[in-house]
């Protein structure tokens, strides 16, 4: 006599492989479902983050951010082939890239502070003001879209993905335009602060 393999319903405590049930529970406010989703997908999300940041502690921080984002944006998550993993991996990639950008900004800010404290001079404030004035003058000459991108991604801390969503353009458009804006601002202020 042959027996059928146990079905998903034979194990009431076990969730089926289909993430849609967990997502439906999350959308009803069930935090336990988020925990189960975490257990199911934490490893690939971690490795996606690690590939970008390259440091274990940073990758773990990114993973936490990804699952916090998943909870916060649970109504916006898209399921692909009965899984939320593609959404989690894309979110991990962008979160990790943003994490890297913030780290670089902090490192540059610390470097600027260290240099300023080591070599303070009366001209520093004047030069900084001139650079800032030149930057504002240059930004005013940009297109409306580029001005918004400068405000969001260069002066602000929005990610490229967030700016793309807000402005209704592609991620690639934001990346290319912000790169061009940064380059133009550097060129416009080079004579005041010296080459980078």
Protein backbone atom coordinates (compact mmCIF):
# COMPACT_ATOMS: atom_id res chain seq x y z
CA UNK A 1 0.00 0.00 0.00
CA UNK A 2 1.40 3.39 -1.00
CA UNK A 3 0.87 6.53 0.99
CA UNK A 4 0.53 10.03 -0.39
CA UNK A 5 3.14 12.59 0.66
CA UNK A 6 1.82 14.93 3.35
CA UNK A 7 0.11 18.01 1.98
CA UNK A 8 0.74 21.53 3.24
CA UNK A 9 -2.48 21.40 5.23
CA UNK A 10 -1.32 18.28 7.10
CA UNK A 11 1.10 20.50 9.03
CA UNK A 12 -0.91 23.40 10.45
CA UNK A 13 2.17 25.10 11.92
CA UNK A 14 4.04 25.04 8.64
CA UNK A 15 3.66 27.76 6.02
CA UNK A 16 3.50 26.72 2.35
CA UNK A 17 6.37 27.74 0.07
CA UNK A 18 4.08 30.30 -1.56
CA UNK A 19 4.91 33.71 -0.01
CA UNK A 20 1.50 35.12 -0.91
CA UNK A 21 -0.05 33.75 2.29
CA UNK A 22 2.63 35.35 4.46
CA UNK A 23 2.25 38.62 2.60
CA UNK A 24 -1.52 38.53 3.07
CA UNK A 25 -1.00 37.98 6.80
CA UNK A 26 1.51 40.85 6.95
CA UNK A 27 -0.99 43.13 5.24
CA UNK A 28 -3.44 42.30 8.02
CA UNK A 29 -0.82 43.44 10.54
CA UNK A 30 0.57 40.01 11.51
CA UNK A 31 4.19 40.56 12.61
CA UNK A 32 4.76 36.81 13.03
CA UNK A 33 4.35 36.48 9.27
CA UNK A 34 7.22 38.94 8.82
CA UNK A 35 9.34 36.76 11.11
CA UNK A 36 8.57 33.70 8.99
CA UNK A 37 9.37 35.64 5.81
CA UNK A 38 12.66 36.71 7.41
CA UNK A 39 13.57 33.11 8.29
CA UNK A 40 12.72 31.98 4.79
CA UNK A 41 14.72 34.60 2.86
CA UNK A 42 17.34 36.11 5.19
CA UNK A 43 20.31 34.21 3.68
CA UNK A 44 19.92 35.33 0.04
CA UNK A 45 19.10 38.88 1.20
CA UNK A 46 22.25 38.91 3.35
CA UNK A 47 24.46 37.73 0.47
CA UNK A 48 22.93 40.29 -1.91
CA UNK A 49 23.78 43.02 0.60
CA UNK A 50 27.24 41.60 1.28
CA UNK A 51 28.11 41.61 -2.43
CA UNK A 52 27.62 45.40 -2.40
CA UNK A 53 28.97 46.47 1.01
CA UNK A 54 31.61 43.76 1.53
CA UNK A 55 31.51 44.02 5.34
CA UNK A 56 29.58 41.60 7.55
CA UNK A 57 28.29 44.20 10.04
CA UNK A 58 27.17 46.51 7.22
CA UNK A 59 25.44 43.64 5.41
CA UNK A 60 23.56 42.75 8.61
CA UNK A 61 22.48 46.38 8.99
CA UNK A 62 21.23 46.39 5.40
CA UNK A 63 19.28 43.15 6.03
CA UNK A 64 17.54 44.75 9.01
CA UNK A 65 16.68 47.79 6.91
CA UNK A 66 15.31 45.59 4.12
CA UNK A 67 12.91 43.75 6.40
CA UNK A 68 11.85 46.96 8.16
CA UNK A 69 11.13 48.36 4.69
CA UNK A 70 9.21 45.19 3.81
CA UNK A 71 7.00 45.69 6.84
CA UNK A 72 6.53 49.40 6.18
CA UNK A 73 5.80 48.90 2.47
CA UNK A 74 3.97 45.56 2.75
CA UNK A 75 1.05 46.90 0.69
CA UNK A 76 3.43 47.75 -2.19
CA UNK A 77 5.37 44.46 -2.37
CA UNK A 78 5.09 42.63 -5.69
CA UNK A 79 5.06 38.83 -5.75
CA UNK A 80 6.92 37.14 -8.62
CA UNK A 81 6.35 33.41 -9.17
CA UNK A 82 4.67 33.11 -5.75
CA UNK A 83 7.73 34.64 -4.02
CA UNK A 84 8.63 38.04 -2.59
CA UNK A 85 12.34 37.19 -2.86
CA UNK A 86 12.88 39.16 -6.11
CA UNK A 87 11.40 42.25 -4.40
CA UNK A 88 13.56 41.65 -1.31
CA UNK A 89 16.72 41.22 -3.40
CA UNK A 90 16.08 44.40 -5.40
CA UNK A 91 15.40 46.28 -2.16
CA UNK A 92 18.59 44.82 -0.63
CA UNK A 93 20.65 46.00 -3.60
CA UNK A 94 19.34 49.58 -3.49
CA UNK A 95 19.50 49.72 0.31
CA UNK A 96 23.11 48.49 0.23
CA UNK A 97 24.06 51.05 -2.45
CA UNK A 98 22.48 53.81 -0.37
CA UNK A 99 24.32 52.53 2.70
CA UNK A 100 27.60 52.74 0.77
CA UNK A 101 26.86 56.30 -0.37
CA UNK A 102 26.07 57.39 3.20
CA UNK A 103 29.29 55.80 4.46
CA UNK A 104 31.32 57.59 1.80
CA UNK A 105 29.62 60.91 2.63
CA UNK A 106 30.36 60.41 6.34
CA UNK A 107 33.97 59.51 5.57
CA UNK A 108 34.41 62.64 3.44
CA UNK A 109 32.73 64.80 6.09
CA UNK A 110 35.05 63.40 8.76
CA UNK A 111 38.05 63.97 6.49
CA UNK A 112 36.96 67.57 5.84
CA UNK A 113 36.50 68.16 9.58
CA UNK A 114 39.92 66.64 10.36
CA UNK A 115 41.66 68.71 7.70
CA UNK A 116 39.89 71.87 8.86
CA UNK A 117 40.83 71.21 12.49
CA UNK A 118 44.46 70.47 11.58
CA UNK A 119 44.87 73.45 9.25
CA UNK A 120 42.43 76.12 10.38
CA UNK A 121 42.89 79.42 8.63
CA UNK A 122 41.05 82.73 8.43
CA UNK A 123 40.50 82.25 4.70
CA UNK A 124 38.68 78.92 5.12
CA UNK A 125 35.32 80.47 5.95
CA UNK A 126 35.59 82.96 3.09
CA UNK A 127 36.50 80.24 0.58
CA UNK A 128 33.70 77.98 1.83
CA UNK A 129 31.19 80.81 1.40
CA UNK A 130 32.46 81.55 -2.12
CA UNK A 131 32.22 77.87 -3.07
CA UNK A 132 28.68 77.63 -1.69
CA UNK A 133 27.62 80.79 -3.52
CA UNK A 134 29.14 79.45 -6.77
CA UNK A 135 27.34 76.12 -6.31
CA UNK A 136 23.97 77.84 -5.78
CA UNK A 137 24.58 80.05 -8.80
CA UNK A 138 25.42 77.01 -10.95
CA UNK A 139 22.42 75.02 -9.70
CA UNK A 140 20.08 77.90 -10.58
CA UNK A 141 21.24 77.55 -14.20
CA UNK A 142 20.26 73.87 -14.37
CA UNK A 143 16.99 72.51 -15.74
CA UNK A 144 14.08 72.16 -13.31
CA UNK A 145 14.57 68.38 -13.19
CA UNK A 146 18.29 68.71 -12.45
CA UNK A 147 17.61 71.30 -9.75
CA UNK A 148 15.21 68.84 -8.08
CA UNK A 149 17.76 66.03 -8.40
CA UNK A 150 20.45 68.23 -6.85
CA UNK A 151 18.11 69.04 -3.97
CA UNK A 152 17.08 65.41 -3.42
CA UNK A 153 20.27 63.41 -4.07
CA UNK A 154 23.24 65.79 -3.72
CA UNK A 155 22.17 68.24 -1.03
CA UNK A 156 19.64 65.80 0.43
CA UNK A 157 19.89 62.13 1.35
CA UNK A 158 17.36 60.57 -1.03
CA UNK A 159 18.43 57.41 -2.80
CA UNK A 160 18.38 57.29 -6.59
CA UNK A 161 15.44 54.86 -6.41
CA UNK A 162 13.47 57.20 -4.12
CA UNK A 163 14.18 60.20 -6.35
CA UNK A 164 13.18 58.22 -9.44
CA UNK A 165 9.87 57.26 -7.80
CA UNK A 166 9.18 60.82 -6.67
CA UNK A 167 10.03 62.44 -10.00
CA UNK A 168 8.58 59.75 -12.26
CA UNK A 169 11.83 58.97 -14.10
CA UNK A 170 13.98 55.85 -14.35
CA UNK A 171 16.71 54.93 -11.90
CA UNK A 172 19.24 55.13 -14.75
CA UNK A 173 18.13 58.67 -15.62
CA UNK A 174 18.65 59.76 -12.00
CA UNK A 175 22.06 58.08 -11.78
CA UNK A 176 23.33 59.62 -15.03
CA UNK A 177 21.97 63.10 -14.35
CA UNK A 178 23.28 63.22 -10.75
CA UNK A 179 26.71 62.09 -11.94
CA UNK A 180 26.69 64.87 -14.56
CA UNK A 181 25.50 67.44 -11.99
CA UNK A 182 28.29 66.49 -9.54
CA UNK A 183 30.87 66.72 -12.30
CA UNK A 184 29.64 70.14 -13.43
CA UNK A 185 29.56 71.50 -9.87
CA UNK A 186 33.12 70.26 -9.28
CA UNK A 187 34.27 71.94 -12.50
CA UNK A 188 32.43 75.16 -11.65
CA UNK A 189 34.16 75.43 -8.25
CA UNK A 190 37.57 73.98 -9.08
CA UNK A 191 39.32 77.36 -9.26
CA UNK A 192 38.14 78.18 -5.72
CA UNK A 193 38.90 74.95 -3.93
CA UNK A 194 41.58 73.47 -6.18
CA UNK A 195 41.32 70.23 -8.18
CA UNK A 196 39.79 67.22 -6.35
